[in-house]
């Protein structure tokens, strides 16, 4: 299901600041060669991630789900001097692609980890200003509960794909991923530790702020 009309998406892209050369290359490579290219954040959402990160100027960012590195490069642009973004990718092949583009962008503020996020996150021993969750959908609640205590009061979590291709809008929700996303959305909605807004950008972004 197309949640956003393609004509509206094209219009939004037309009036969004162009991507830099490396981001354009990551996007083009992923769309041309990756069998799951639809997972890429893309131009409009990528620029939104960049500007949101720039607005809050985080010192520490955690990304769960690197994919080919596009969103990490966008988020890292908002880091304070001396800040760092930790990004975790399960698949070595995608991590290798991301690593190539991190090097090409000459960024020294992204640290890439390969493996199971649930095992890696506790080892990082960090507190987070901003977390971006964009990994396996059945793990969203577990990731959320794992990282929320380490998010600074007033810090933010962004969760991607919370409309899951429109499947959560159906009268009867089927499929493990759509069911998991619906459960996650309801879980966060019932959580008194945070406030949130669901943004209808691309496949849905849930912006969550931890209460002070």
N, C-alpha and C. Protein backbone atom coordinates (compact mmCIF):
# COMPACT_ATOMS: atom_id res chain seq x y z
N UNK A 1 0.85 -1.20 0.00
CA UNK A 1 0.00 0.00 0.00
C UNK A 1 0.88 1.25 0.00
N UNK A 2 0.59 2.21 -0.88
CA UNK A 2 1.27 3.50 -0.86
C UNK A 2 0.61 4.38 0.19
N UNK A 3 1.32 4.64 1.29
CA UNK A 3 0.77 5.49 2.35
C UNK A 3 0.82 6.96 1.91
N UNK A 4 1.95 7.33 1.32
CA UNK A 4 2.12 8.69 0.81
C UNK A 4 1.96 8.64 -0.71
N UNK A 5 1.13 9.50 -1.25
CA UNK A 5 0.96 9.54 -2.70
C UNK A 5 2.31 9.80 -3.37
N UNK A 6 2.66 9.01 -4.38
CA UNK A 6 3.94 9.22 -5.06
C UNK A 6 4.11 10.65 -5.56
N UNK A 7 3.02 11.28 -6.00
CA UNK A 7 3.13 12.67 -6.48
C UNK A 7 3.47 13.62 -5.34
N UNK A 8 2.96 13.32 -4.14
CA UNK A 8 3.28 14.14 -2.97
C UNK A 8 4.72 13.92 -2.53
N UNK A 9 5.17 12.67 -2.60
CA UNK A 9 6.56 12.35 -2.24
C UNK A 9 7.53 13.04 -3.20
N UNK A 10 7.20 13.03 -4.49
CA UNK A 10 8.05 13.70 -5.49
C UNK A 10 8.07 15.21 -5.26
N UNK A 11 6.92 15.77 -4.88
CA UNK A 11 6.84 17.21 -4.60
C UNK A 11 7.69 17.55 -3.38
N UNK A 12 7.60 16.72 -2.34
CA UNK A 12 8.39 16.95 -1.13
C UNK A 12 9.88 16.90 -1.45
N UNK A 13 10.27 15.93 -2.25
CA UNK A 13 11.68 15.80 -2.62
C UNK A 13 12.16 17.02 -3.40
N UNK A 14 11.30 17.54 -4.27
CA UNK A 14 11.66 18.70 -5.09
C UNK A 14 12.00 19.90 -4.22
N UNK A 15 11.32 20.05 -3.09
CA UNK A 15 11.50 21.23 -2.25
C UNK A 15 12.32 20.92 -1.00
N UNK A 16 13.04 19.81 -1.01
CA UNK A 16 13.94 19.44 0.07
C UNK A 16 15.38 19.65 -0.40
N UNK A 17 16.21 20.19 0.48
CA UNK A 17 17.61 20.43 0.14
C UNK A 17 18.26 19.16 -0.42
N UNK A 18 19.00 19.27 -1.51
CA UNK A 18 19.64 18.08 -2.09
C UNK A 18 20.60 17.41 -1.12
N UNK A 19 20.80 16.11 -1.31
CA UNK A 19 21.77 15.36 -0.54
C UNK A 19 23.18 15.70 -1.00
N UNK A 20 24.15 15.51 -0.10
CA UNK A 20 25.54 15.71 -0.53
C UNK A 20 25.96 14.54 -1.43
N UNK A 21 27.15 14.64 -1.98
CA UNK A 21 27.58 13.69 -3.01
C UNK A 21 27.66 12.26 -2.48
N UNK A 22 28.16 12.08 -1.26
CA UNK A 22 28.30 10.73 -0.72
C UNK A 22 26.93 10.12 -0.45
N UNK A 23 26.03 10.89 0.12
CA UNK A 23 24.68 10.38 0.38
C UNK A 23 23.96 10.04 -0.92
N UNK A 24 24.16 10.84 -1.95
CA UNK A 24 23.58 10.52 -3.25
C UNK A 24 24.12 9.20 -3.77
N UNK A 25 25.40 8.96 -3.54
CA UNK A 25 26.02 7.72 -4.01
C UNK A 25 25.49 6.52 -3.22
N UNK A 26 25.37 6.66 -1.90
CA UNK A 26 24.82 5.57 -1.08
C UNK A 26 23.40 5.24 -1.54
N UNK A 27 22.59 6.27 -1.74
CA UNK A 27 21.21 6.06 -2.17
C UNK A 27 21.16 5.36 -3.53
N UNK A 28 21.94 5.85 -4.48
CA UNK A 28 21.93 5.28 -5.83
C UNK A 28 22.42 3.83 -5.82
N UNK A 29 23.50 3.56 -5.07
CA UNK A 29 24.03 2.20 -5.01
C UNK A 29 23.01 1.25 -4.39
N UNK A 30 22.38 1.67 -3.30
CA UNK A 30 21.42 0.80 -2.61
C UNK A 30 20.23 0.51 -3.50
N UNK A 31 19.69 1.54 -4.15
CA UNK A 31 18.53 1.34 -5.01
C UNK A 31 18.84 0.45 -6.21
N UNK A 32 20.07 0.51 -6.68
CA UNK A 32 20.45 -0.25 -7.87
C UNK A 32 20.83 -1.70 -7.56
N UNK A 33 21.36 -1.95 -6.34
CA UNK A 33 21.98 -3.24 -6.10
C UNK A 33 21.43 -4.03 -4.92
N UNK A 34 20.71 -3.41 -4.02
CA UNK A 34 20.29 -4.13 -2.82
C UNK A 34 18.90 -4.73 -3.02
N UNK A 35 18.71 -6.01 -2.70
CA UNK A 35 17.39 -6.63 -2.89
C UNK A 35 16.33 -6.08 -1.95
N UNK A 36 16.75 -5.40 -0.90
CA UNK A 36 15.79 -4.80 0.04
C UNK A 36 15.98 -3.28 0.08
N UNK A 37 16.11 -2.69 -1.09
CA UNK A 37 16.39 -1.25 -1.19
C UNK A 37 15.30 -0.39 -0.58
N UNK A 38 14.07 -0.93 -0.47
CA UNK A 38 12.98 -0.17 0.13
C UNK A 38 13.25 0.18 1.60
N UNK A 39 14.24 -0.48 2.21
CA UNK A 39 14.57 -0.22 3.61
C UNK A 39 15.36 1.08 3.78
N UNK A 40 15.86 1.63 2.70
CA UNK A 40 16.64 2.87 2.77
C UNK A 40 15.75 4.04 3.20
N UNK A 41 16.26 4.88 4.08
CA UNK A 41 15.47 6.04 4.53
C UNK A 41 15.11 6.97 3.39
N UNK A 42 16.04 7.21 2.49
CA UNK A 42 15.75 8.05 1.33
C UNK A 42 15.93 9.54 1.58
N UNK A 43 15.80 10.30 0.50
CA UNK A 43 16.13 11.71 0.47
C UNK A 43 15.37 12.52 1.52
N UNK A 44 14.06 12.49 1.50
CA UNK A 44 13.26 13.37 2.37
C UNK A 44 13.44 12.98 3.83
N UNK A 45 13.30 11.70 4.13
CA UNK A 45 13.46 11.29 5.53
C UNK A 45 14.90 11.49 5.99
N UNK A 46 15.85 11.22 5.12
CA UNK A 46 17.25 11.42 5.48
C UNK A 46 17.55 12.86 5.85
N UNK A 47 17.04 13.79 5.06
CA UNK A 47 17.26 15.20 5.38
C UNK A 47 16.54 15.59 6.67
N UNK A 48 15.37 14.99 6.92
CA UNK A 48 14.68 15.26 8.17
C UNK A 48 15.50 14.77 9.36
N UNK A 49 16.08 13.57 9.23
CA UNK A 49 16.94 13.05 10.30
C UNK A 49 18.13 13.97 10.54
N UNK A 50 18.72 14.45 9.46
CA UNK A 50 19.87 15.36 9.59
C UNK A 50 19.48 16.65 10.31
N UNK A 51 18.37 17.25 9.91
CA UNK A 51 17.98 18.52 10.50
C UNK A 51 17.53 18.35 11.96
N UNK A 52 16.86 17.23 12.26
CA UNK A 52 16.46 16.99 13.65
C UNK A 52 17.69 16.82 14.53
N UNK A 53 18.67 16.06 14.05
CA UNK A 53 19.90 15.89 14.80
C UNK A 53 20.61 17.23 14.99
N UNK A 54 20.62 18.05 13.95
CA UNK A 54 21.25 19.37 14.05
C UNK A 54 20.53 20.27 15.03
N UNK A 55 19.22 20.11 15.14
CA UNK A 55 18.44 20.93 16.08
C UNK A 55 18.80 20.62 17.53
N UNK A 56 18.97 19.34 17.85
CA UNK A 56 19.22 18.99 19.25
C UNK A 56 20.72 18.87 19.56
N UNK A 57 21.56 18.83 18.53
CA UNK A 57 23.01 18.79 18.67
C UNK A 57 23.46 17.76 19.72
N UNK A 58 23.21 16.49 19.45
CA UNK A 58 23.56 15.45 20.43
C UNK A 58 25.06 15.23 20.55
N UNK A 59 25.45 14.72 21.70
CA UNK A 59 26.82 14.26 21.90
C UNK A 59 26.95 12.76 21.63
N UNK A 60 25.88 12.03 21.93
CA UNK A 60 25.90 10.58 21.75
C UNK A 60 24.62 10.14 21.04
N UNK A 61 24.80 9.46 19.91
CA UNK A 61 23.68 8.90 19.14
C UNK A 61 23.87 7.39 19.06
N UNK A 62 22.79 6.66 19.18
CA UNK A 62 22.79 5.21 18.94
C UNK A 62 21.83 4.93 17.79
N UNK A 63 22.31 4.17 16.83
CA UNK A 63 21.45 3.70 15.74
C UNK A 63 21.42 2.18 15.78
N UNK A 64 20.21 1.62 15.82
CA UNK A 64 20.04 0.17 15.79
C UNK A 64 19.53 -0.20 14.40
N UNK A 65 20.43 -0.73 13.58
CA UNK A 65 20.10 -1.06 12.19
C UNK A 65 20.80 -0.11 11.23
N UNK A 66 22.03 -0.41 10.86
CA UNK A 66 22.83 0.47 10.00
C UNK A 66 22.39 0.42 8.54
N UNK A 67 22.03 -0.77 8.08
CA UNK A 67 21.76 -1.05 6.67
C UNK A 67 22.98 -0.63 5.84
N UNK A 68 22.86 0.22 4.84
CA UNK A 68 24.01 0.59 4.02
C UNK A 68 24.65 1.91 4.44
N UNK A 69 24.25 2.44 5.57
CA UNK A 69 24.94 3.58 6.15
C UNK A 69 24.33 4.94 5.91
N UNK A 70 23.25 4.99 5.14
CA UNK A 70 22.66 6.28 4.75
C UNK A 70 22.19 7.08 5.96
N UNK A 71 21.36 6.48 6.81
CA UNK A 71 20.79 7.22 7.93
C UNK A 71 21.84 7.61 8.95
N UNK A 72 22.87 6.77 9.15
CA UNK A 72 23.94 7.12 10.08
C UNK A 72 24.67 8.37 9.62
N UNK A 73 24.95 8.44 8.32
CA UNK A 73 25.62 9.63 7.78
C UNK A 73 24.76 10.87 7.96
N UNK A 74 23.44 10.73 7.80
CA UNK A 74 22.54 11.88 7.99
C UNK A 74 22.54 12.32 9.45
N UNK A 75 22.36 11.39 10.36
CA UNK A 75 22.29 11.72 11.78
C UNK A 75 23.60 12.29 12.31
N UNK A 76 24.72 11.77 11.83
CA UNK A 76 26.02 12.20 12.33
C UNK A 76 26.31 13.66 12.01
N UNK A 77 25.65 14.22 11.01
CA UNK A 77 25.88 15.62 10.65
C UNK A 77 25.46 16.59 11.75
N UNK A 78 24.60 16.14 12.69
CA UNK A 78 24.16 17.02 13.75
C UNK A 78 24.95 16.90 15.04
N UNK A 79 25.93 16.00 15.08
CA UNK A 79 26.70 15.79 16.30
C UNK A 79 27.47 17.04 16.73
N UNK A 80 27.56 17.22 18.03
CA UNK A 80 28.45 18.25 18.56
C UNK A 80 29.90 17.87 18.26
N UNK A 81 30.81 18.85 18.21
CA UNK A 81 32.23 18.52 18.06
C UNK A 81 32.66 17.56 19.17
N UNK A 82 33.32 16.50 18.77
CA UNK A 82 33.74 15.49 19.74
C UNK A 82 32.69 14.43 20.01
N UNK A 83 31.51 14.59 19.44
CA UNK A 83 30.44 13.61 19.64
C UNK A 83 30.68 12.36 18.81
N UNK A 84 29.89 11.32 19.10
CA UNK A 84 30.06 10.06 18.39
C UNK A 84 28.71 9.39 18.18
N UNK A 85 28.59 8.72 17.05
CA UNK A 85 27.42 7.92 16.73
C UNK A 85 27.84 6.45 16.71
N UNK A 86 27.19 5.63 17.52
CA UNK A 86 27.39 4.19 17.49
C UNK A 86 26.25 3.59 16.65
N UNK A 87 26.61 2.78 15.67
CA UNK A 87 25.59 2.14 14.84
C UNK A 87 25.84 0.64 14.81
N UNK A 88 24.76 -0.14 14.86
CA UNK A 88 24.86 -1.59 14.98
C UNK A 88 24.15 -2.26 13.80
N UNK A 89 24.86 -3.15 13.14
CA UNK A 89 24.30 -3.88 12.00
C UNK A 89 24.53 -5.38 12.18
N UNK A 90 23.49 -6.16 11.99
CA UNK A 90 23.58 -7.61 12.14
C UNK A 90 24.30 -8.27 10.98
N UNK A 91 24.07 -7.77 9.75
CA UNK A 91 24.56 -8.43 8.54
C UNK A 91 25.92 -7.85 8.11
N UNK A 92 26.90 -8.71 8.00
CA UNK A 92 28.25 -8.28 7.66
C UNK A 92 28.32 -7.64 6.28
N UNK A 93 27.54 -8.15 5.32
CA UNK A 93 27.59 -7.59 3.97
C UNK A 93 27.13 -6.14 3.96
N UNK A 94 26.02 -5.85 4.65
CA UNK A 94 25.55 -4.46 4.73
C UNK A 94 26.53 -3.60 5.51
N UNK A 95 27.11 -4.16 6.57
CA UNK A 95 28.09 -3.41 7.36
C UNK A 95 29.30 -3.04 6.50
N UNK A 96 29.71 -3.94 5.62
CA UNK A 96 30.86 -3.66 4.75
C UNK A 96 30.54 -2.51 3.80
N UNK A 97 29.32 -2.49 3.26
CA UNK A 97 28.92 -1.37 2.40
C UNK A 97 28.92 -0.07 3.17
N UNK A 98 28.34 -0.08 4.37
CA UNK A 98 28.30 1.12 5.20
C UNK A 98 29.71 1.60 5.53
N UNK A 99 30.57 0.67 5.88
CA UNK A 99 31.95 1.02 6.25
C UNK A 99 32.66 1.74 5.10
N UNK A 100 32.39 1.26 3.88
CA UNK A 100 33.00 1.88 2.69
C UNK A 100 32.57 3.34 2.55
N UNK A 101 31.27 3.59 2.77
CA UNK A 101 30.79 4.96 2.60
C UNK A 101 31.14 5.85 3.78
N UNK A 102 31.27 5.29 4.97
CA UNK A 102 31.75 6.09 6.11
C UNK A 102 33.17 6.58 5.82
N UNK A 103 33.98 5.69 5.26
CA UNK A 103 35.36 6.07 4.91
C UNK A 103 35.36 7.12 3.81
N UNK A 104 34.50 6.95 2.83
CA UNK A 104 34.44 7.89 1.71
C UNK A 104 34.01 9.27 2.17
N UNK A 105 33.14 9.32 3.19
CA UNK A 105 32.67 10.60 3.72
C UNK A 105 33.68 11.24 4.66
N UNK A 106 34.78 10.53 4.93
CA UNK A 106 35.84 11.02 5.82
C UNK A 106 35.31 11.42 7.18
N UNK A 107 34.37 10.60 7.67
CA UNK A 107 33.82 10.88 8.99
C UNK A 107 34.55 10.05 10.03
N UNK A 108 34.96 10.70 11.10
CA UNK A 108 35.63 9.99 12.18
C UNK A 108 34.75 9.87 13.40
N UNK A 109 33.47 10.21 13.25
CA UNK A 109 32.58 10.23 14.42
C UNK A 109 31.51 9.15 14.36
N UNK A 110 31.72 8.12 13.55
CA UNK A 110 30.80 6.99 13.48
C UNK A 110 31.56 5.71 13.84
N UNK A 111 31.05 4.98 14.81
CA UNK A 111 31.65 3.70 15.19
C UNK A 111 30.65 2.59 14.86
N UNK A 112 31.06 1.70 13.99
CA UNK A 112 30.20 0.64 13.49
C UNK A 112 30.47 -0.66 14.26
N UNK A 113 29.39 -1.28 14.74
CA UNK A 113 29.47 -2.56 15.43
C UNK A 113 28.68 -3.59 14.62
N UNK A 114 29.23 -4.78 14.49
CA UNK A 114 28.56 -5.85 13.74
C UNK A 114 28.18 -6.96 14.71
N UNK A 115 26.89 -7.31 14.70
CA UNK A 115 26.43 -8.38 15.57
C UNK A 115 25.03 -8.11 16.09
N UNK A 116 24.66 -8.82 17.13
CA UNK A 116 23.34 -8.74 17.74
C UNK A 116 23.25 -7.51 18.64
N UNK A 117 22.35 -6.60 18.31
CA UNK A 117 22.24 -5.35 19.06
C UNK A 117 21.93 -5.58 20.54
N UNK A 118 21.15 -6.61 20.83
CA UNK A 118 20.77 -6.87 22.22
C UNK A 118 21.97 -7.26 23.07
N UNK A 119 22.99 -7.80 22.44
CA UNK A 119 24.22 -8.14 23.15
C UNK A 119 25.20 -6.96 23.17
N UNK A 120 25.20 -6.19 22.09
CA UNK A 120 26.19 -5.10 21.96
C UNK A 120 25.82 -3.89 22.80
N UNK A 121 24.55 -3.52 22.83
CA UNK A 121 24.14 -2.28 23.51
C UNK A 121 24.59 -2.23 24.97
N UNK A 122 24.39 -3.27 25.78
CA UNK A 122 24.84 -3.18 27.18
C UNK A 122 26.34 -2.99 27.33
N UNK A 123 27.11 -3.43 26.33
CA UNK A 123 28.56 -3.31 26.40
C UNK A 123 29.05 -1.89 26.09
N UNK A 124 28.20 -1.07 25.49
CA UNK A 124 28.63 0.28 25.09
C UNK A 124 28.78 1.22 26.28
N UNK A 125 28.02 0.98 27.33
CA UNK A 125 28.14 1.75 28.56
C UNK A 125 28.08 3.26 28.30
N UNK A 126 27.04 3.67 27.57
CA UNK A 126 26.84 5.08 27.20
C UNK A 126 25.47 5.55 27.67
N UNK A 127 25.31 6.86 27.74
CA UNK A 127 23.98 7.46 27.84
C UNK A 127 23.74 8.22 26.55
N UNK A 128 22.48 8.20 26.09
CA UNK A 128 22.17 8.64 24.73
C UNK A 128 21.32 9.91 24.72
N UNK A 129 21.69 10.81 23.80
CA UNK A 129 20.85 11.98 23.53
C UNK A 129 19.78 11.64 22.49
N UNK A 130 20.13 10.74 21.59
CA UNK A 130 19.24 10.40 20.48
C UNK A 130 19.47 8.94 20.09
N UNK A 131 18.37 8.20 19.90
CA UNK A 131 18.44 6.82 19.45
C UNK A 131 17.52 6.68 18.23
N UNK A 132 18.01 5.99 17.21
CA UNK A 132 17.21 5.70 16.02
C UNK A 132 17.05 4.19 15.92
N UNK A 133 15.81 3.71 16.02
CA UNK A 133 15.53 2.28 15.92
C UNK A 133 14.99 1.99 14.53
N UNK A 134 15.73 1.17 13.79
CA UNK A 134 15.32 0.80 12.43
C UNK A 134 15.87 -0.59 12.12
N UNK A 135 15.47 -1.56 12.93
CA UNK A 135 15.98 -2.92 12.80
C UNK A 135 14.80 -3.88 12.67
N UNK A 136 15.00 -5.14 13.07
CA UNK A 136 13.93 -6.13 12.97
C UNK A 136 12.73 -5.70 13.80
N UNK A 137 11.56 -5.75 13.20
CA UNK A 137 10.37 -5.17 13.81
C UNK A 137 9.91 -5.94 15.05
N UNK A 138 10.13 -7.25 15.05
CA UNK A 138 9.70 -8.03 16.21
C UNK A 138 10.55 -7.72 17.44
N UNK A 139 11.67 -7.06 17.24
CA UNK A 139 12.54 -6.70 18.36
C UNK A 139 12.33 -5.30 18.91
N UNK A 140 11.40 -4.52 18.33
CA UNK A 140 11.28 -3.11 18.70
C UNK A 140 11.01 -2.91 20.20
N UNK A 141 10.09 -3.66 20.77
CA UNK A 141 9.79 -3.46 22.18
C UNK A 141 11.01 -3.79 23.04
N UNK A 142 11.70 -4.87 22.70
CA UNK A 142 12.91 -5.24 23.45
C UNK A 142 13.98 -4.16 23.33
N UNK A 143 14.19 -3.63 22.13
CA UNK A 143 15.17 -2.56 21.96
C UNK A 143 14.78 -1.33 22.79
N UNK A 144 13.51 -0.98 22.71
CA UNK A 144 13.00 0.19 23.43
C UNK A 144 13.25 0.06 24.93
N UNK A 145 12.89 -1.07 25.48
CA UNK A 145 13.06 -1.26 26.92
C UNK A 145 14.53 -1.36 27.31
N UNK A 146 15.35 -1.84 26.40
CA UNK A 146 16.78 -1.95 26.67
C UNK A 146 17.46 -0.59 26.70
N UNK A 147 17.05 0.30 25.78
CA UNK A 147 17.77 1.58 25.67
C UNK A 147 17.14 2.72 26.47
N UNK A 148 15.85 2.65 26.77
CA UNK A 148 15.20 3.80 27.41
C UNK A 148 15.88 4.20 28.72
N UNK A 149 16.28 3.27 29.59
CA UNK A 149 16.96 3.70 30.82
C UNK A 149 18.27 4.45 30.56
N UNK A 150 18.90 4.21 29.41
CA UNK A 150 20.16 4.87 29.08
C UNK A 150 19.97 6.15 28.27
N UNK A 151 18.73 6.48 27.91
CA UNK A 151 18.45 7.75 27.25
C UNK A 151 18.41 8.85 28.30
N UNK A 152 19.10 9.94 28.04
CA UNK A 152 19.14 11.04 29.00
C UNK A 152 17.74 11.64 29.18
N UNK A 153 17.39 12.10 30.37
CA UNK A 153 16.12 12.81 30.55
C UNK A 153 16.02 13.97 29.54
N UNK A 154 14.93 14.03 28.84
CA UNK A 154 14.78 15.01 27.77
C UNK A 154 15.33 14.56 26.44
N UNK A 155 15.92 13.35 26.40
CA UNK A 155 16.47 12.80 25.17
C UNK A 155 15.39 12.19 24.30
N UNK A 156 15.78 11.79 23.09
CA UNK A 156 14.81 11.38 22.08
C UNK A 156 15.11 9.98 21.52
N UNK A 157 14.03 9.30 21.16
CA UNK A 157 14.09 8.07 20.39
C UNK A 157 13.26 8.28 19.13
N UNK A 158 13.78 7.88 18.00
CA UNK A 158 13.04 7.85 16.74
C UNK A 158 12.91 6.40 16.31
N UNK A 159 11.69 5.95 16.08
CA UNK A 159 11.45 4.59 15.62
C UNK A 159 10.86 4.64 14.21
N UNK A 160 11.48 3.92 13.30
CA UNK A 160 11.07 3.95 11.89
C UNK A 160 10.06 2.85 11.58
N UNK A 161 9.35 3.03 10.48
CA UNK A 161 8.41 2.03 9.93
C UNK A 161 7.23 1.75 10.84
N UNK A 162 6.78 2.74 11.59
CA UNK A 162 5.70 2.49 12.55
C UNK A 162 4.31 2.47 11.90
N UNK A 163 4.25 2.71 10.59
CA UNK A 163 3.01 2.46 9.84
C UNK A 163 3.09 1.17 9.04
N UNK A 164 4.26 0.62 8.95
CA UNK A 164 4.58 -0.64 8.29
C UNK A 164 3.77 -0.86 7.00
N UNK A 165 4.09 -0.03 6.02
CA UNK A 165 3.49 -0.16 4.68
C UNK A 165 1.97 -0.07 4.70
N UNK A 166 1.42 0.55 5.73
CA UNK A 166 -0.02 0.69 5.84
C UNK A 166 -0.72 -0.51 6.44
N UNK A 167 0.02 -1.56 6.76
CA UNK A 167 -0.62 -2.78 7.27
C UNK A 167 -1.24 -2.57 8.65
N UNK A 168 -0.71 -1.66 9.45
CA UNK A 168 -1.30 -1.39 10.76
C UNK A 168 -2.60 -0.60 10.66
N UNK A 169 -2.92 -0.11 9.48
CA UNK A 169 -4.15 0.67 9.29
C UNK A 169 -5.34 -0.22 8.93
N UNK A 170 -5.07 -1.49 8.70
CA UNK A 170 -6.13 -2.40 8.30
C UNK A 170 -7.00 -2.79 9.50
N UNK A 171 -8.26 -3.15 9.22
CA UNK A 171 -9.16 -3.60 10.28
C UNK A 171 -8.62 -4.84 10.99
N UNK A 172 -8.04 -5.73 10.19
CA UNK A 172 -7.41 -6.94 10.75
C UNK A 172 -5.94 -6.92 10.40
N UNK A 173 -5.10 -6.84 11.41
CA UNK A 173 -3.66 -6.76 11.20
C UNK A 173 -3.09 -8.17 11.14
N UNK A 174 -2.42 -8.46 10.04
CA UNK A 174 -1.85 -9.79 9.84
C UNK A 174 -0.34 -9.67 9.63
N UNK A 175 0.33 -10.79 9.81
CA UNK A 175 1.76 -10.81 9.59
C UNK A 175 2.52 -10.46 10.86
N UNK A 176 3.63 -11.13 11.07
CA UNK A 176 4.36 -10.95 12.33
C UNK A 176 4.94 -9.54 12.47
N UNK A 177 5.40 -8.95 11.37
CA UNK A 177 6.01 -7.63 11.47
C UNK A 177 4.98 -6.54 11.76
N UNK A 178 3.87 -6.58 11.04
CA UNK A 178 2.81 -5.59 11.28
C UNK A 178 2.25 -5.76 12.69
N UNK A 179 2.07 -6.99 13.12
CA UNK A 179 1.57 -7.25 14.47
C UNK A 179 2.55 -6.73 15.52
N UNK A 180 3.85 -6.93 15.26
CA UNK A 180 4.86 -6.44 16.19
C UNK A 180 4.90 -4.92 16.26
N UNK A 181 4.75 -4.27 15.11
CA UNK A 181 4.75 -2.80 15.09
C UNK A 181 3.52 -2.26 15.81
N UNK A 182 2.36 -2.87 15.59
CA UNK A 182 1.16 -2.44 16.30
C UNK A 182 1.36 -2.59 17.81
N UNK A 183 1.94 -3.69 18.24
CA UNK A 183 2.21 -3.91 19.66
C UNK A 183 3.18 -2.87 20.20
N UNK A 184 4.19 -2.52 19.41
CA UNK A 184 5.15 -1.50 19.82
C UNK A 184 4.48 -0.14 19.98
N UNK A 185 3.68 0.25 18.98
CA UNK A 185 2.99 1.54 19.05
C UNK A 185 2.10 1.62 20.29
N UNK A 186 1.40 0.54 20.59
CA UNK A 186 0.54 0.51 21.77
C UNK A 186 1.36 0.52 23.05
N UNK A 187 2.50 -0.14 23.03
CA UNK A 187 3.39 -0.19 24.20
C UNK A 187 3.88 1.21 24.55
N UNK A 188 4.34 1.93 23.56
CA UNK A 188 4.84 3.29 23.80
C UNK A 188 3.71 4.23 24.21
N UNK A 189 2.54 4.06 23.59
CA UNK A 189 1.39 4.91 23.92
C UNK A 189 0.98 4.76 25.38
N UNK A 190 1.22 3.60 25.96
CA UNK A 190 0.84 3.35 27.35
C UNK A 190 1.95 3.69 28.34
N UNK A 191 3.10 4.15 27.84
CA UNK A 191 4.27 4.38 28.69
C UNK A 191 4.25 5.81 29.23
N UNK A 192 4.11 5.95 30.53
CA UNK A 192 4.04 7.27 31.17
C UNK A 192 5.41 7.93 31.31
N UNK A 193 6.46 7.21 30.94
CA UNK A 193 7.81 7.79 31.04
C UNK A 193 8.14 8.71 29.89
N UNK A 194 7.28 8.72 28.85
CA UNK A 194 7.60 9.45 27.63
C UNK A 194 6.38 10.19 27.10
N UNK A 195 6.64 11.12 26.20
CA UNK A 195 5.59 11.68 25.34
C UNK A 195 6.01 11.43 23.90
N UNK A 196 5.06 11.45 22.97
CA UNK A 196 5.39 11.03 21.62
C UNK A 196 4.45 11.66 20.60
N UNK A 197 4.92 11.64 19.36
CA UNK A 197 4.08 12.03 18.22
C UNK A 197 4.44 11.11 17.06
N UNK A 198 3.41 10.62 16.36
CA UNK A 198 3.63 9.76 15.21
C UNK A 198 3.57 10.62 13.96
N UNK A 199 4.67 10.65 13.23
CA UNK A 199 4.80 11.48 12.04
C UNK A 199 4.57 10.63 10.79
N UNK A 200 3.73 11.13 9.90
CA UNK A 200 3.42 10.38 8.67
C UNK A 200 4.43 10.72 7.57
N UNK A 201 5.69 10.53 7.88
CA UNK A 201 6.78 10.70 6.92
C UNK A 201 7.18 9.32 6.42
N UNK A 202 7.20 9.18 5.09
CA UNK A 202 7.56 7.91 4.46
C UNK A 202 6.73 6.77 5.04
N UNK A 203 7.36 5.86 5.80
CA UNK A 203 6.64 4.70 6.33
C UNK A 203 6.28 4.88 7.81
N UNK A 204 6.29 6.13 8.26
CA UNK A 204 5.91 6.43 9.63
C UNK A 204 7.11 6.50 10.56
N UNK A 205 7.25 7.61 11.27
CA UNK A 205 8.30 7.79 12.28
C UNK A 205 7.63 8.13 13.61
N UNK A 206 7.97 7.40 14.66
CA UNK A 206 7.47 7.72 15.98
C UNK A 206 8.56 8.48 16.72
N UNK A 207 8.28 9.73 17.02
CA UNK A 207 9.21 10.59 17.76
C UNK A 207 8.84 10.53 19.23
N UNK A 208 9.75 10.07 20.05
CA UNK A 208 9.52 9.82 21.46
C UNK A 208 10.48 10.67 22.28
N UNK A 209 9.98 11.39 23.26
CA UNK A 209 10.82 12.18 24.15
C UNK A 209 10.71 11.63 25.57
N UNK A 210 11.84 11.33 26.16
CA UNK A 210 11.86 10.83 27.54
C UNK A 210 11.60 11.99 28.49
N UNK A 211 10.70 11.79 29.42
CA UNK A 211 10.36 12.84 30.37
C UNK A 211 11.55 13.17 31.27
N UNK A 212 11.65 14.43 31.66
CA UNK A 212 12.73 14.85 32.57
C UNK A 212 12.34 14.51 34.00
